[in-house]
Amino acid sequence: GAVYGTLLVNAGKTFFSESFPDLWLFLMAALFI
């Protein structure tokens, strides 16, 4: 599960930073919370 979590969070980080460069930090925080 830790491996899947690593892949999911980093994939989300890459997707959000590419698609929403101004909001990706907030989206990542929302995903985690």
All heavy atoms as atom14 arrays in JSON, in Angstrom:
{
  "sequence": "GAVYGTLLVNAGKTFFSESFPDLWLFLMAALFI",
  "atom14_mask": [
    [1, 1, 1, 1, 0, 0, 0, 0, 0, 0, 0, 0, 0, 0],
    [1, 1, 1, 1, 1, 0, 0, 0, 0, 0, 0, 0, 0, 0],
    [1, 1, 1, 1, 1, 1, 1, 0, 0, 0, 0, 0, 0, 0],
    [1, 1, 1, 1, 1, 1, 1, 1, 1, 1, 1, 1, 0, 0],
    [1, 1, 1, 1, 0, 0, 0, 0, 0, 0, 0, 0, 0, 0],
    [1, 1, 1, 1, 1, 1, 1, 0, 0, 0, 0, 0, 0, 0],
    [1, 1, 1, 1, 1, 1, 1, 1, 0, 0, 0, 0, 0, 0],
    [1, 1, 1, 1, 1, 1, 1, 1, 0, 0, 0, 0, 0, 0],
    [1, 1, 1, 1, 1, 1, 1, 0, 0, 0, 0, 0, 0, 0],
    [1, 1, 1, 1, 1, 1, 1, 1, 0, 0, 0, 0, 0, 0],
    [1, 1, 1, 1, 1, 0, 0, 0, 0, 0, 0, 0, 0, 0],
    [1, 1, 1, 1, 0, 0, 0, 0, 0, 0, 0, 0, 0, 0],
    [1, 1, 1, 1, 1, 1, 1, 1, 1, 0, 0, 0, 0, 0],
    [1, 1, 1, 1, 1, 1, 1, 0, 0, 0, 0, 0, 0, 0],
    [1, 1, 1, 1, 1, 1, 1, 1, 1, 1, 1, 0, 0, 0],
    [1, 1, 1, 1, 1, 1, 1, 1, 1, 1, 1, 0, 0, 0],
    [1, 1, 1, 1, 1, 1, 0, 0, 0, 0, 0, 0, 0, 0],
    [1, 1, 1, 1, 1, 1, 1, 1, 1, 0, 0, 0, 0, 0],
    [1, 1, 1, 1, 1, 1, 0, 0, 0, 0, 0, 0, 0, 0],
    [1, 1, 1, 1, 1, 1, 1, 1, 1, 1, 1, 0, 0, 0],
    [1, 1, 1, 1, 1, 1, 1, 0, 0, 0, 0, 0, 0, 0],
    [1, 1, 1, 1, 1, 1, 1, 1, 0, 0, 0, 0, 0, 0],
    [1, 1, 1, 1, 1, 1, 1, 1, 0, 0, 0, 0, 0, 0],
    [1, 1, 1, 1, 1, 1, 1, 1, 1, 1, 1, 1, 1, 1],
    [1, 1, 1, 1, 1, 1, 1, 1, 0, 0, 0, 0, 0, 0],
    [1, 1, 1, 1, 1, 1, 1, 1, 1, 1, 1, 0, 0, 0],
    [1, 1, 1, 1, 1, 1, 1, 1, 0, 0, 0, 0, 0, 0],
    [1, 1, 1, 1, 1, 1, 1, 1, 0, 0, 0, 0, 0, 0],
    [1, 1, 1, 1, 1, 0, 0, 0, 0, 0, 0, 0, 0, 0],
    [1, 1, 1, 1, 1, 0, 0, 0, 0, 0, 0, 0, 0, 0],
    [1, 1, 1, 1, 1, 1, 1, 1, 0, 0, 0, 0, 0, 0],
    [1, 1, 1, 1, 1, 1, 1, 1, 1, 1, 1, 0, 0, 0],
    [1, 1, 1, 1, 1, 1, 1, 1, 0, 0, 0, 0, 0, 0]
  ],
  "atom14_positions": [
    [[0.81, -1.21, 0.0], [0.0, 0.0, 0.0], [0.84, 1.26, 0.0], [0.47, 2.27, -0.62], [0.0, 0.0, 0.0], [0.0, 0.0, 0.0], [0.0, 0.0, 0.0], [0.0, 0.0, 0.0], [0.0, 0.0, 0.0], [0.0, 0.0, 0.0], [0.0, 0.0, 0.0], [0.0, 0.0, 0.0], [0.0, 0.0, 0.0], [0.0, 0.0, 0.0]],
    [[1.99, 1.23, 0.69], [2.87, 2.4, 0.7], [3.39, 2.71, -0.69], [3.55, 3.89, -1.05], [4.04, 2.15, 1.66], [0.0, 0.0, 0.0], [0.0, 0.0, 0.0], [0.0, 0.0, 0.0], [0.0, 0.0, 0.0], [0.0, 0.0, 0.0], [0.0, 0.0, 0.0], [0.0, 0.0, 0.0], [0.0, 0.0, 0.0], [0.0, 0.0, 0.0]],
    [[3.64, 1.67, -1.5], [4.09, 1.9, -2.87], [2.99, 2.53, -3.7], [3.22, 3.5, -4.44], [4.56, 0.57, -3.51], [4.99, 0.79, -4.95], [5.7, -0.04, -2.7], [0.0, 0.0, 0.0], [0.0, 0.0, 0.0], [0.0, 0.0, 0.0], [0.0, 0.0, 0.0], [0.0, 0.0, 0.0], [0.0, 0.0, 0.0], [0.0, 0.0, 0.0]],
    [[1.78, 2.0, -3.57], [0.65, 2.59, -4.31], [0.4, 4.03, -3.86], [0.07, 4.89, -4.68], [-0.61, 1.75, -4.1], [-0.61, 0.43, -4.84], [-0.72, -0.77, -4.17], [-0.5, 0.4, -6.22], [-0.72, -1.98, -4.85], [-0.5, -0.8, -6.91], [-0.61, -1.99, -6.22], [-0.6, -3.18, -6.91], [0.0, 0.0, 0.0], [0.0, 0.0, 0.0]],
    [[0.52, 4.28, -2.57], [0.34, 5.64, -2.08], [1.38, 6.59, -2.65], [1.06, 7.73, -3.02], [0.0, 0.0, 0.0], [0.0, 0.0, 0.0], [0.0, 0.0, 0.0], [0.0, 0.0, 0.0], [0.0, 0.0, 0.0], [0.0, 0.0, 0.0], [0.0, 0.0, 0.0], [0.0, 0.0, 0.0], [0.0, 0.0, 0.0], [0.0, 0.0, 0.0]],
    [[2.61, 6.13, -2.76], [3.68, 6.95, -3.34], [3.38, 7.27, -4.8], [3.51, 8.41, -5.24], [5.03, 6.22, -3.23], [5.28, 5.9, -1.86], [6.15, 7.1, -3.76], [0.0, 0.0, 0.0], [0.0, 0.0, 0.0], [0.0, 0.0, 0.0], [0.0, 0.0, 0.0], [0.0, 0.0, 0.0], [0.0, 0.0, 0.0], [0.0, 0.0, 0.0]],
    [[2.97, 6.26, -5.55], [2.66, 6.48, -6.96], [1.46, 7.41, -7.12], [1.48, 8.31, -7.97], [2.37, 5.14, -7.64], [3.54, 4.16, -7.77], [3.07, 2.83, -8.33], [4.64, 4.75, -8.64], [0.0, 0.0, 0.0], [0.0, 0.0, 0.0], [0.0, 0.0, 0.0], [0.0, 0.0, 0.0], [0.0, 0.0, 0.0], [0.0, 0.0, 0.0]],
    [[0.43, 7.23, -6.3], [-0.78, 8.05, -6.42], [-0.49, 9.51, -6.1], [-0.88, 10.41, -6.86], [-1.86, 7.51, -5.5], [-3.15, 8.34, -5.43], [-3.84, 8.35, -6.79], [-4.09, 7.79, -4.36], [0.0, 0.0, 0.0], [0.0, 0.0, 0.0], [0.0, 0.0, 0.0], [0.0, 0.0, 0.0], [0.0, 0.0, 0.0], [0.0, 0.0, 0.0]],
    [[0.18, 9.76, -4.98], [0.44, 11.15, -4.57], [1.34, 11.86, -5.57], [1.1, 13.01, -5.95], [1.05, 11.18, -3.16], [1.46, 12.6, -2.78], [0.06, 10.65, -2.13], [0.0, 0.0, 0.0], [0.0, 0.0, 0.0], [0.0, 0.0, 0.0], [0.0, 0.0, 0.0], [0.0, 0.0, 0.0], [0.0, 0.0, 0.0], [0.0, 0.0, 0.0]],
    [[2.39, 11.19, -6.03], [3.31, 11.83, -6.97], [2.68, 12.02, -8.34], [2.93, 13.02, -9.02], [4.6, 11.02, -7.07], [5.52, 11.24, -5.91], [6.23, 12.25, -5.84], [5.52, 10.31, -4.97], [0.0, 0.0, 0.0], [0.0, 0.0, 0.0], [0.0, 0.0, 0.0], [0.0, 0.0, 0.0], [0.0, 0.0, 0.0], [0.0, 0.0, 0.0]],
    [[1.84, 11.05, -8.76], [1.13, 11.23, -10.03], [0.17, 12.41, -9.93], [0.05, 13.21, -10.88], [0.37, 9.95, -10.39], [0.0, 0.0, 0.0], [0.0, 0.0, 0.0], [0.0, 0.0, 0.0], [0.0, 0.0, 0.0], [0.0, 0.0, 0.0], [0.0, 0.0, 0.0], [0.0, 0.0, 0.0], [0.0, 0.0, 0.0], [0.0, 0.0, 0.0]],
    [[-0.51, 12.53, -8.79], [-1.38, 13.68, -8.59], [-0.6, 14.98, -8.55], [-1.04, 16.0, -9.11], [0.0, 0.0, 0.0], [0.0, 0.0, 0.0], [0.0, 0.0, 0.0], [0.0, 0.0, 0.0], [0.0, 0.0, 0.0], [0.0, 0.0, 0.0], [0.0, 0.0, 0.0], [0.0, 0.0, 0.0], [0.0, 0.0, 0.0], [0.0, 0.0, 0.0]],
    [[0.55, 14.94, -7.93], [1.4, 16.13, -7.88], [1.83, 16.56, -9.28], [1.8, 17.75, -9.62], [2.63, 15.82, -7.01], [3.56, 16.98, -6.78], [4.68, 16.56, -5.84], [5.66, 17.7, -5.6], [6.76, 17.29, -4.69], [0.0, 0.0, 0.0], [0.0, 0.0, 0.0], [0.0, 0.0, 0.0], [0.0, 0.0, 0.0], [0.0, 0.0, 0.0]],
    [[2.23, 15.62, -10.1], [2.63, 15.93, -11.48], [1.45, 16.45, -12.29], [1.56, 17.44, -13.02], [3.22, 14.68, -12.15], [4.36, 14.24, -11.41], [3.64, 14.98, -13.58], [0.0, 0.0, 0.0], [0.0, 0.0, 0.0], [0.0, 0.0, 0.0], [0.0, 0.0, 0.0], [0.0, 0.0, 0.0], [0.0, 0.0, 0.0], [0.0, 0.0, 0.0]],
    [[0.29, 15.77, -12.18], [-0.89, 16.18, -12.94], [-1.36, 17.58, -12.54], [-1.62, 18.43, -13.39], [-2.01, 15.17, -12.74], [-3.32, 15.59, -13.34], [-3.52, 15.51, -14.72], [-4.34, 16.08, -12.55], [-4.73, 15.91, -15.28], [-5.55, 16.48, -13.1], [-5.74, 16.39, -14.47], [0.0, 0.0, 0.0], [0.0, 0.0, 0.0], [0.0, 0.0, 0.0]],
    [[-1.45, 17.81, -11.24], [-1.93, 19.11, -10.78], [-0.96, 20.23, -11.13], [-1.37, 21.33, -11.51], [-2.17, 19.08, -9.27], [-3.32, 18.22, -8.84], [-3.29, 17.53, -7.64], [-4.43, 18.08, -9.65], [-4.34, 16.73, -7.25], [-5.5, 17.27, -9.27], [-5.45, 16.59, -8.07], [0.0, 0.0, 0.0], [0.0, 0.0, 0.0], [0.0, 0.0, 0.0]],
    [[0.34, 19.97, -11.03], [1.32, 21.02, -11.34], [1.35, 21.34, -12.82], [1.63, 22.48, -13.21], [2.71, 20.58, -10.87], [3.13, 19.4, -11.54], [0.0, 0.0, 0.0], [0.0, 0.0, 0.0], [0.0, 0.0, 0.0], [0.0, 0.0, 0.0], [0.0, 0.0, 0.0], [0.0, 0.0, 0.0], [0.0, 0.0, 0.0], [0.0, 0.0, 0.0]],
    [[1.04, 20.34, -13.67], [0.99, 20.59, -15.11], [-0.31, 21.28, -15.53], [-0.3, 22.15, -16.4], [1.14, 19.27, -15.87], [2.52, 18.65, -15.78], [2.58, 17.3, -16.48], [1.52, 16.77, -16.88], [3.7, 16.77, -16.63], [0.0, 0.0, 0.0], [0.0, 0.0, 0.0], [0.0, 0.0, 0.0], [0.0, 0.0, 0.0], [0.0, 0.0, 0.0]],
    [[-1.42, 20.87, -14.92], [-2.73, 21.38, -15.34], [-3.16, 22.63, -14.59], [-3.83, 23.49, -15.15], [-3.79, 20.28, -15.15], [-3.44, 19.1, -15.84], [0.0, 0.0, 0.0], [0.0, 0.0, 0.0], [0.0, 0.0, 0.0], [0.0, 0.0, 0.0], [0.0, 0.0, 0.0], [0.0, 0.0, 0.0], [0.0, 0.0, 0.0], [0.0, 0.0, 0.0]],
    [[-2.78, 22.71, -13.32], [-3.19, 23.86, -12.5], [-1.96, 24.4, -11.75], [-1.82, 24.19, -10.55], [-4.27, 23.44, -11.5], [-5.41, 22.7, -12.12], [-5.47, 21.31, -12.07], [-6.43, 23.38, -12.77], [-6.52, 20.62, -12.64], [-7.49, 22.69, -13.35], [-7.53, 21.31, -13.28], [0.0, 0.0, 0.0], [0.0, 0.0, 0.0], [0.0, 0.0, 0.0]],
    [[-1.05, 25.08, -12.45], [0.21, 25.5, -11.82], [0.03, 26.45, -10.64], [0.9, 26.5, -9.77], [0.96, 26.18, -12.98], [-0.09, 26.53, -13.98], [-1.14, 25.48, -13.86], [0.0, 0.0, 0.0], [0.0, 0.0, 0.0], [0.0, 0.0, 0.0], [0.0, 0.0, 0.0], [0.0, 0.0, 0.0], [0.0, 0.0, 0.0], [0.0, 0.0, 0.0]],
    [[-1.08, 27.18, -10.59], [-1.3, 28.12, -9.49], [-2.04, 27.5, -8.32], [-2.05, 28.08, -7.22], [-2.1, 29.34, -9.98], [-1.36, 30.13, -11.04], [-0.1, 30.14, -10.98], [-2.02, 30.72, -11.92], [0.0, 0.0, 0.0], [0.0, 0.0, 0.0], [0.0, 0.0, 0.0], [0.0, 0.0, 0.0], [0.0, 0.0, 0.0], [0.0, 0.0, 0.0]],
    [[-2.64, 26.34, -8.52], [-3.49, 25.76, -7.49], [-3.04, 24.38, -7.03], [-3.65, 23.81, -6.13], [-4.93, 25.63, -8.01], [-5.65, 26.92, -8.43], [-7.0, 26.58, -9.03], [-5.81, 27.84, -7.23], [0.0, 0.0, 0.0], [0.0, 0.0, 0.0], [0.0, 0.0, 0.0], [0.0, 0.0, 0.0], [0.0, 0.0, 0.0], [0.0, 0.0, 0.0]],
    [[-1.96, 23.86, -7.62], [-1.65, 22.45, -7.39], [-1.31, 22.15, -5.93], [-1.63, 21.07, -5.41], [-0.55, 21.98, -8.32], [0.83, 22.48, -8.0], [1.41, 23.63, -8.42], [1.82, 21.82, -7.2], [2.68, 23.74, -7.94], [2.96, 22.64, -7.18], [1.84, 20.62, -6.49], [4.11, 22.31, -6.48], [2.99, 20.28, -5.81], [4.11, 21.12, -5.81]],
    [[-0.71, 23.11, -5.21], [-0.4, 22.87, -3.8], [-1.68, 22.71, -2.98], [-1.77, 21.85, -2.09], [0.45, 24.0, -3.24], [1.93, 24.01, -3.66], [2.62, 25.26, -3.15], [2.64, 22.76, -3.15], [0.0, 0.0, 0.0], [0.0, 0.0, 0.0], [0.0, 0.0, 0.0], [0.0, 0.0, 0.0], [0.0, 0.0, 0.0], [0.0, 0.0, 0.0]],
    [[-2.69, 23.53, -3.28], [-3.96, 23.43, -2.56], [-4.67, 22.12, -2.91], [-5.28, 21.48, -2.05], [-4.85, 24.62, -2.91], [-4.26, 25.95, -2.52], [-3.62, 26.74, -3.46], [-4.33, 26.4, -1.22], [-3.08, 27.97, -3.11], [-3.79, 27.62, -0.85], [-3.16, 28.41, -1.8], [0.0, 0.0, 0.0], [0.0, 0.0, 0.0], [0.0, 0.0, 0.0]],
    [[-4.59, 21.71, -4.17], [-5.22, 20.47, -4.58], [-4.54, 19.26, -3.93], [-5.22, 18.31, -3.54], [-5.19, 20.35, -6.1], [-6.01, 21.39, -6.87], [-5.76, 21.26, -8.37], [-7.49, 21.22, -6.56], [0.0, 0.0, 0.0], [0.0, 0.0, 0.0], [0.0, 0.0, 0.0], [0.0, 0.0, 0.0], [0.0, 0.0, 0.0], [0.0, 0.0, 0.0]],
    [[-3.23, 19.31, -3.82], [-2.52, 18.22, -3.16], [-2.88, 18.15, -1.68], [-3.07, 17.07, -1.11], [-1.01, 18.4, -3.32], [-0.48, 18.07, -4.7], [-0.76, 16.35, -5.16], [0.15, 15.51, -3.89], [0.0, 0.0, 0.0], [0.0, 0.0, 0.0], [0.0, 0.0, 0.0], [0.0, 0.0, 0.0], [0.0, 0.0, 0.0], [0.0, 0.0, 0.0]],
    [[-3.0, 19.32, -1.04], [-3.4, 19.34, 0.37], [-4.8, 18.78, 0.54], [-5.07, 18.02, 1.48], [-3.32, 20.77, 0.9], [0.0, 0.0, 0.0], [0.0, 0.0, 0.0], [0.0, 0.0, 0.0], [0.0, 0.0, 0.0], [0.0, 0.0, 0.0], [0.0, 0.0, 0.0], [0.0, 0.0, 0.0], [0.0, 0.0, 0.0], [0.0, 0.0, 0.0]],
    [[-5.71, 19.14, -0.38], [-7.07, 18.62, -0.31], [-7.09, 17.11, -0.51], [-7.85, 16.39, 0.17], [-7.93, 19.3, -1.37], [0.0, 0.0, 0.0], [0.0, 0.0, 0.0], [0.0, 0.0, 0.0], [0.0, 0.0, 0.0], [0.0, 0.0, 0.0], [0.0, 0.0, 0.0], [0.0, 0.0, 0.0], [0.0, 0.0, 0.0], [0.0, 0.0, 0.0]],
    [[-6.26, 16.59, -1.42], [-6.17, 15.16, -1.64], [-5.73, 14.43, -0.37], [-6.33, 13.44, 0.04], [-5.2, 14.86, -2.78], [-4.88, 13.38, -3.03], [-6.12, 12.63, -3.49], [-3.76, 13.25, -4.08], [0.0, 0.0, 0.0], [0.0, 0.0, 0.0], [0.0, 0.0, 0.0], [0.0, 0.0, 0.0], [0.0, 0.0, 0.0], [0.0, 0.0, 0.0]],
    [[-4.7, 14.96, 0.26], [-4.17, 14.33, 1.48], [-5.19, 14.37, 2.61], [-5.46, 13.37, 3.28], [-2.88, 15.02, 1.9], [-2.39, 14.6, 3.25], [-2.02, 13.29, 3.5], [-2.32, 15.5, 4.29], [-1.58, 12.89, 4.74], [-1.88, 15.12, 5.54], [-1.51, 13.8, 5.77], [0.0, 0.0, 0.0], [0.0, 0.0, 0.0], [0.0, 0.0, 0.0]],
    [[-5.78, 15.55, 2.84], [-6.74, 15.69, 3.93], [-7.96, 14.81, 3.69], [-8.47, 14.14, 4.6], [-7.16, 17.17, 4.09], [-5.96, 18.01, 4.54], [-8.31, 17.31, 5.09], [-6.23, 19.5, 4.55], [0.0, 0.0, 0.0], [0.0, 0.0, 0.0], [0.0, 0.0, 0.0], [0.0, 0.0, 0.0], [0.0, 0.0, 0.0], [0.0, 0.0, 0.0]]
  ]
}
